[in-house]
Amino acid sequence: MGARVVRMFRNFNLENRVVREISKEKPRSAPRHKLTPPTTTDPGEAEISSGAVHQKNDPLLLNLKSVYVESKDKAASPVKSLKEVSVDGEAKTRPMKFTLPGDSHSLANVENIPHGKLTIMEALKALSSHQSHPQTWTSQRISEEYSLNLKETKSLLEFFVPFQIQIIPPQISNVKQLKAS
């Protein structure tokens, strides 16, 4: 019933309202500006636009031929950071300390690790050994063992904790248990 009332008000005097909207004067649009071709006041611009770009300029070509560049850098060697480069010029690396048995499914077979870096397995091993024996596996020992920065090792031990599983038994004295019937 509510739809009928709404339809009656919507259709009331519909023709008069339509005629009134149509007879209104429509707003005029703003006048368009006339387009003028760009004028060139600089004579150098006229030469460039006429095709002088494709012609050889002899004085510039002679200057280019007189330039000679010698490069003494190794083009194929990647740039290494100062932390990773030793006195010899080679990157400092260390062998892996710990791997899982049967870890042949890894994406890359990593044998040498740069100083200051850890694999995930080594990080978990260091964190768990510090958690189980904090007196023997101090941050100093871990930083020496894995060639890490002492400050970074302390923050690693402070902010990262390996997973722990804790099974909390229910309190039997306060819990009511249902008996099978």
Protein backbone atom coordinates (compact mmCIF):
# COMPACT_ATOMS: atom_id res chain seq x y z
CA MET A 1 0.00 0.00 0.00
CA GLY A 2 2.91 2.34 0.68
CA ALA A 3 4.11 1.97 -2.91
CA ARG A 4 0.74 3.22 -4.21
CA VAL A 5 0.96 6.38 -2.14
CA VAL A 6 4.51 7.07 -3.27
CA ARG A 7 3.51 6.49 -6.92
CA MET A 8 0.59 8.92 -6.61
CA PHE A 9 2.83 11.70 -5.27
CA ARG A 10 5.49 10.98 -7.87
CA ASN A 11 3.03 11.13 -10.79
CA PHE A 12 1.02 14.10 -9.48
CA ASN A 13 1.15 17.06 -11.89
CA LEU A 14 3.88 15.33 -13.88
CA GLU A 15 3.06 16.88 -17.26
CA ASN A 16 3.10 20.45 -15.94
CA ARG A 17 6.45 19.91 -14.24
CA VAL A 18 7.96 18.46 -17.46
CA VAL A 19 6.72 21.39 -19.58
CA ARG A 20 8.13 23.87 -17.07
CA GLU A 21 11.61 22.16 -17.16
CA ILE A 22 11.67 22.05 -20.95
CA SER A 23 10.63 25.68 -21.35
CA LYS A 24 13.43 26.96 -19.10
CA GLU A 25 16.20 28.82 -20.86
CA LYS A 26 19.29 26.71 -21.13
CA PRO A 27 22.60 28.14 -19.81
CA ARG A 28 25.00 29.32 -22.48
CA SER A 29 28.45 27.79 -22.65
CA ALA A 30 31.54 29.94 -22.31
CA PRO A 31 33.00 31.32 -25.55
CA ARG A 32 35.89 29.41 -27.06
CA HIS A 33 39.26 31.09 -27.45
CA LYS A 34 40.68 31.43 -30.92
CA LEU A 35 43.71 29.28 -31.67
CA THR A 36 46.74 31.12 -32.98
CA PRO A 37 49.75 29.37 -34.44
CA PRO A 38 52.90 29.75 -32.31
CA THR A 39 55.14 32.52 -33.48
CA THR A 40 58.88 32.01 -33.52
CA THR A 41 60.93 35.06 -32.65
CA ASP A 42 64.24 33.23 -32.33
CA PRO A 43 65.86 32.44 -35.70
CA GLY A 44 67.54 29.34 -34.18
CA GLU A 45 64.18 27.71 -33.59
CA ALA A 46 63.22 28.03 -37.23
CA GLU A 47 66.35 26.11 -38.28
CA ILE A 48 65.62 23.26 -35.89
CA SER A 49 62.09 22.87 -37.08
CA SER A 50 63.11 22.89 -40.75
CA GLY A 51 65.07 19.63 -40.47
CA ALA A 52 68.51 20.75 -39.33
CA VAL A 53 68.35 18.08 -36.65
CA HIS A 54 69.08 15.35 -39.15
CA GLN A 55 72.11 17.08 -40.68
CA LYS A 56 75.64 16.58 -39.38
CA ASN A 57 77.32 19.53 -37.69
CA ASP A 58 81.03 19.38 -38.63
CA PRO A 59 82.49 21.44 -35.72
CA LEU A 60 80.62 19.34 -33.17
CA LEU A 61 81.65 16.13 -34.92
CA LEU A 62 85.35 17.16 -34.77
CA ASN A 63 85.02 17.95 -31.05
CA LEU A 64 83.46 14.56 -30.45
CA LYS A 65 86.29 12.75 -32.27
CA SER A 66 88.89 14.49 -30.10
CA VAL A 67 87.38 13.09 -26.89
CA TYR A 68 89.06 9.93 -25.60
CA VAL A 69 87.97 8.10 -22.43
CA GLU A 70 90.11 5.59 -20.55
CA SER A 71 88.45 3.36 -17.99
CA LYS A 72 90.49 1.48 -15.42
CA ASP A 73 87.59 -0.04 -13.44
CA LYS A 74 86.60 -3.65 -13.86
CA ALA A 75 83.38 -3.52 -15.83
CA ALA A 76 82.20 -7.04 -14.97
CA SER A 77 82.74 -6.97 -11.20
CA PRO A 78 79.79 -5.84 -9.08
CA VAL A 79 80.25 -3.04 -6.55
CA LYS A 80 80.80 -4.40 -3.04
CA SER A 81 80.19 -2.54 0.17
CA LEU A 82 83.14 -1.55 2.33
CA LYS A 83 82.04 -3.86 5.15
CA GLU A 84 82.26 -6.99 2.99
CA VAL A 85 85.61 -6.28 1.34
CA SER A 86 88.81 -7.34 3.06
CA VAL A 87 92.30 -5.89 2.62
CA ASP A 88 92.98 -8.32 -0.25
CA GLY A 89 90.04 -6.92 -2.20
CA GLU A 90 88.02 -10.13 -1.92
CA ALA A 91 84.77 -10.42 0.02
CA LYS A 92 85.04 -11.93 3.50
CA THR A 93 83.04 -15.11 3.79
CA ARG A 94 82.73 -17.93 6.27
CA PRO A 95 81.56 -21.52 5.86
CA MET A 96 78.09 -22.55 7.01
CA LYS A 97 77.96 -23.67 10.65
CA PHE A 98 74.68 -25.58 10.68
CA THR A 99 72.34 -27.16 8.15
CA LEU A 100 69.45 -29.55 8.42
CA PRO A 101 70.07 -33.13 7.28
CA GLY A 102 68.58 -33.73 3.85
CA ASP A 103 68.43 -30.02 3.06
CA SER A 104 68.79 -30.62 -0.67
CA HIS A 105 65.39 -29.02 -1.35
CA SER A 106 66.62 -25.50 -0.70
CA LEU A 107 66.41 -22.95 -3.51
CA ALA A 108 70.11 -22.15 -3.57
CA ASN A 109 73.01 -24.25 -2.38
CA VAL A 110 74.85 -21.75 -0.21
CA GLU A 111 78.28 -22.79 0.97
CA ASN A 112 79.93 -19.50 1.95
CA ILE A 113 78.12 -16.76 3.83
CA PRO A 114 79.31 -13.13 4.02
CA HIS A 115 80.42 -11.79 7.38
CA GLY A 116 77.59 -10.17 9.28
CA LYS A 117 74.95 -12.44 7.70
CA LEU A 118 73.12 -15.54 8.94
CA THR A 119 71.06 -18.23 7.28
CA ILE A 120 67.65 -18.97 8.76
CA MET A 121 68.87 -22.29 10.15
CA GLU A 122 71.86 -20.65 11.82
CA ALA A 123 69.70 -17.89 13.29
CA LEU A 124 67.25 -20.40 14.76
CA LYS A 125 70.11 -22.51 16.11
CA ALA A 126 71.77 -19.49 17.74
CA LEU A 127 68.49 -18.24 19.24
CA SER A 128 67.51 -21.64 20.62
CA SER A 129 70.96 -22.30 22.07
CA HIS A 130 70.92 -18.87 23.75
CA GLN A 131 67.45 -19.57 25.11
CA SER A 132 68.36 -22.98 26.51
CA HIS A 133 71.85 -22.06 27.85
CA PRO A 134 72.10 -18.25 28.27
CA GLN A 135 75.24 -18.44 30.44
CA THR A 136 77.31 -20.30 27.85
CA TRP A 137 75.77 -18.82 24.69
CA THR A 138 76.09 -15.13 25.43
CA SER A 139 75.71 -12.42 22.81
CA GLN A 140 79.52 -12.05 22.74
CA ARG A 141 80.04 -15.74 21.97
CA ILE A 142 77.32 -15.81 19.31
CA SER A 143 78.76 -12.73 17.59
CA GLU A 144 82.23 -14.32 17.53
CA GLU A 145 80.92 -17.73 16.43
CA TYR A 146 78.91 -16.41 13.48
CA SER A 147 81.04 -13.31 12.64
CA LEU A 148 78.31 -10.81 13.57
CA ASN A 149 78.31 -7.29 14.93
CA LEU A 150 77.92 -7.31 18.73
CA LYS A 151 75.27 -4.56 18.76
CA GLU A 152 73.19 -6.35 16.12
CA THR A 153 73.57 -9.64 17.98
CA LYS A 154 72.28 -8.10 21.21
CA SER A 155 69.24 -6.67 19.43
CA LEU A 156 68.67 -10.02 17.69
CA LEU A 157 68.63 -11.84 21.02
CA GLU A 158 66.41 -9.18 22.58
CA PHE A 159 63.71 -8.90 19.91
CA PHE A 160 63.56 -12.40 18.34
CA VAL A 161 62.47 -15.53 20.18
CA PRO A 162 62.09 -18.97 18.60
CA PHE A 163 58.78 -20.76 18.93
CA GLN A 164 57.93 -22.44 22.20
CA ILE A 165 55.25 -25.02 22.80
CA GLN A 166 53.73 -24.88 26.25
CA ILE A 167 51.07 -27.35 27.28
CA ILE A 168 49.13 -26.08 30.26
CA PRO A 169 47.29 -28.87 32.08
CA PRO A 170 43.75 -28.03 33.28
CA GLN A 171 43.15 -27.50 36.97
CA ILE A 172 41.32 -30.67 37.96
CA SER A 173 40.15 -29.54 41.40
CA ASN A 174 37.99 -26.63 40.13
CA VAL A 175 36.71 -28.17 36.90
CA LYS A 176 33.47 -30.12 36.84
CA GLN A 177 33.68 -33.01 34.45
CA LEU A 178 30.72 -34.64 32.75
CA LYS A 179 30.43 -38.36 33.21
CA ALA A 180 29.40 -40.61 30.38
CA SER A 181 26.01 -42.14 30.93
